[in-house]
Amino acid sequence: MTDLPQYLYMELADRIAAEIKAGSPPVGGRLPGEREMTEIYSVSIGTVRRAVQELRDRGLVATLPIKGTYVIRAEPPATTDQDDDASRG
């Protein structure tokens, strides 16, 4: 079951997340604009938008309207053992 294909936007999100983790762009840095990313990664604007949403969901970036999308953390927040204990009840 692990050989299933992955959606293109998830592949792009993983690629950008790896770039962020490597420090490019650094925390506080701005991601390229959507149109620029379509050219950089050779994907559609819809794919870029879904990938950026995925990065927001992971807690790696935040988007400020008109300003752009900025890196707010280099790695996704880790789950704690307390979260696991709470779910076990």
Protein backbone atom coordinates (compact mmCIF):
# COMPACT_ATOMS: atom_id res chain seq x y z
CA MET A 1 0.00 0.00 0.00
CA THR A 2 2.94 2.39 0.38
CA ASP A 3 3.54 2.36 -3.39
CA LEU A 4 0.44 4.45 -4.10
CA PRO A 5 1.08 7.58 -6.15
CA GLN A 6 1.06 10.89 -4.32
CA TYR A 7 -0.78 14.01 -5.44
CA LEU A 8 1.45 16.52 -7.22
CA TYR A 9 0.63 19.28 -4.72
CA MET A 10 1.80 17.03 -1.86
CA GLU A 11 5.05 16.32 -3.70
CA LEU A 12 5.53 20.06 -4.20
CA ALA A 13 4.72 20.79 -0.55
CA ASP A 14 7.25 18.14 0.54
CA ARG A 15 9.87 19.64 -1.78
CA ILE A 16 9.32 23.18 -0.51
CA ALA A 17 9.28 21.92 3.10
CA ALA A 18 12.66 20.26 2.51
CA GLU A 19 14.00 23.51 1.06
CA ILE A 20 12.72 25.41 4.11
CA LYS A 21 14.32 22.87 6.43
CA ALA A 22 17.61 23.38 4.55
CA GLY A 23 17.31 27.12 5.20
CA SER A 24 16.21 28.43 1.82
CA PRO A 25 14.27 30.58 2.49
CA PRO A 26 15.13 31.01 6.18
CA VAL A 27 12.59 31.55 8.96
CA GLY A 28 11.17 35.02 8.37
CA GLY A 29 11.97 34.80 4.67
CA ARG A 30 9.40 35.16 1.92
CA LEU A 31 8.47 32.41 -0.52
CA PRO A 32 8.37 33.35 -4.21
CA GLY A 33 4.99 34.50 -5.49
CA GLU A 34 2.51 31.99 -6.90
CA ARG A 35 3.21 32.84 -10.53
CA GLU A 36 6.95 32.67 -9.98
CA MET A 37 6.58 29.25 -8.32
CA THR A 38 4.62 27.98 -11.34
CA GLU A 39 7.70 28.74 -13.44
CA ILE A 40 10.26 27.49 -10.90
CA TYR A 41 8.54 24.13 -10.33
CA SER A 42 6.77 23.76 -13.74
CA VAL A 43 3.34 23.19 -12.22
CA SER A 44 -0.04 24.90 -12.47
CA ILE A 45 -1.10 27.75 -10.22
CA GLY A 46 -3.73 25.46 -8.67
CA THR A 47 -1.00 23.01 -7.66
CA VAL A 48 1.03 25.86 -6.13
CA ARG A 49 -1.99 27.12 -4.19
CA ARG A 50 -2.78 23.69 -2.77
CA ALA A 51 0.88 23.12 -1.88
CA VAL A 52 1.06 26.45 -0.04
CA GLN A 53 -2.18 25.58 1.79
CA GLU A 54 -0.60 22.28 2.81
CA LEU A 55 2.46 24.15 4.13
CA ARG A 56 0.14 26.44 6.12
CA ASP A 57 -1.65 23.37 7.50
CA ARG A 58 1.73 21.96 8.57
CA GLY A 59 2.49 25.20 10.39
CA LEU A 60 5.53 26.05 8.27
CA VAL A 61 4.31 29.22 6.56
CA ALA A 62 1.81 32.03 7.02
CA THR A 63 0.27 34.11 4.25
CA LEU A 64 -0.35 37.83 4.65
CA PRO A 65 -2.78 39.19 2.05
CA ILE A 66 -1.01 41.33 -0.55
CA LYS A 67 2.33 40.89 1.29
CA GLY A 68 3.08 37.25 0.46
CA THR A 69 3.82 33.95 2.18
CA TYR A 70 6.49 33.83 4.86
CA VAL A 71 8.31 31.00 6.60
CA ILE A 72 7.35 30.92 10.29
CA ARG A 73 9.05 27.66 11.27
CA ALA A 74 11.59 25.32 9.70
CA GLU A 75 10.01 22.06 10.88
CA PRO A 76 6.42 21.12 11.68
CA PRO A 77 5.51 21.14 15.37
CA ALA A 78 6.14 17.77 16.98
CA THR A 79 3.35 15.96 18.73
CA THR A 80 4.00 15.39 22.39
CA ASP A 81 3.47 12.31 24.49
CA GLN A 82 0.88 14.30 26.44
CA ASP A 83 -1.25 14.49 23.28
CA ASP A 84 -1.06 10.71 22.96
CA ASP A 85 -1.89 10.19 26.63
CA ALA A 86 -4.91 12.50 26.40
CA SER A 87 -6.30 10.60 23.44
CA ARG A 88 -6.03 7.29 25.32
CA GLY A 89 -8.24 8.74 28.06
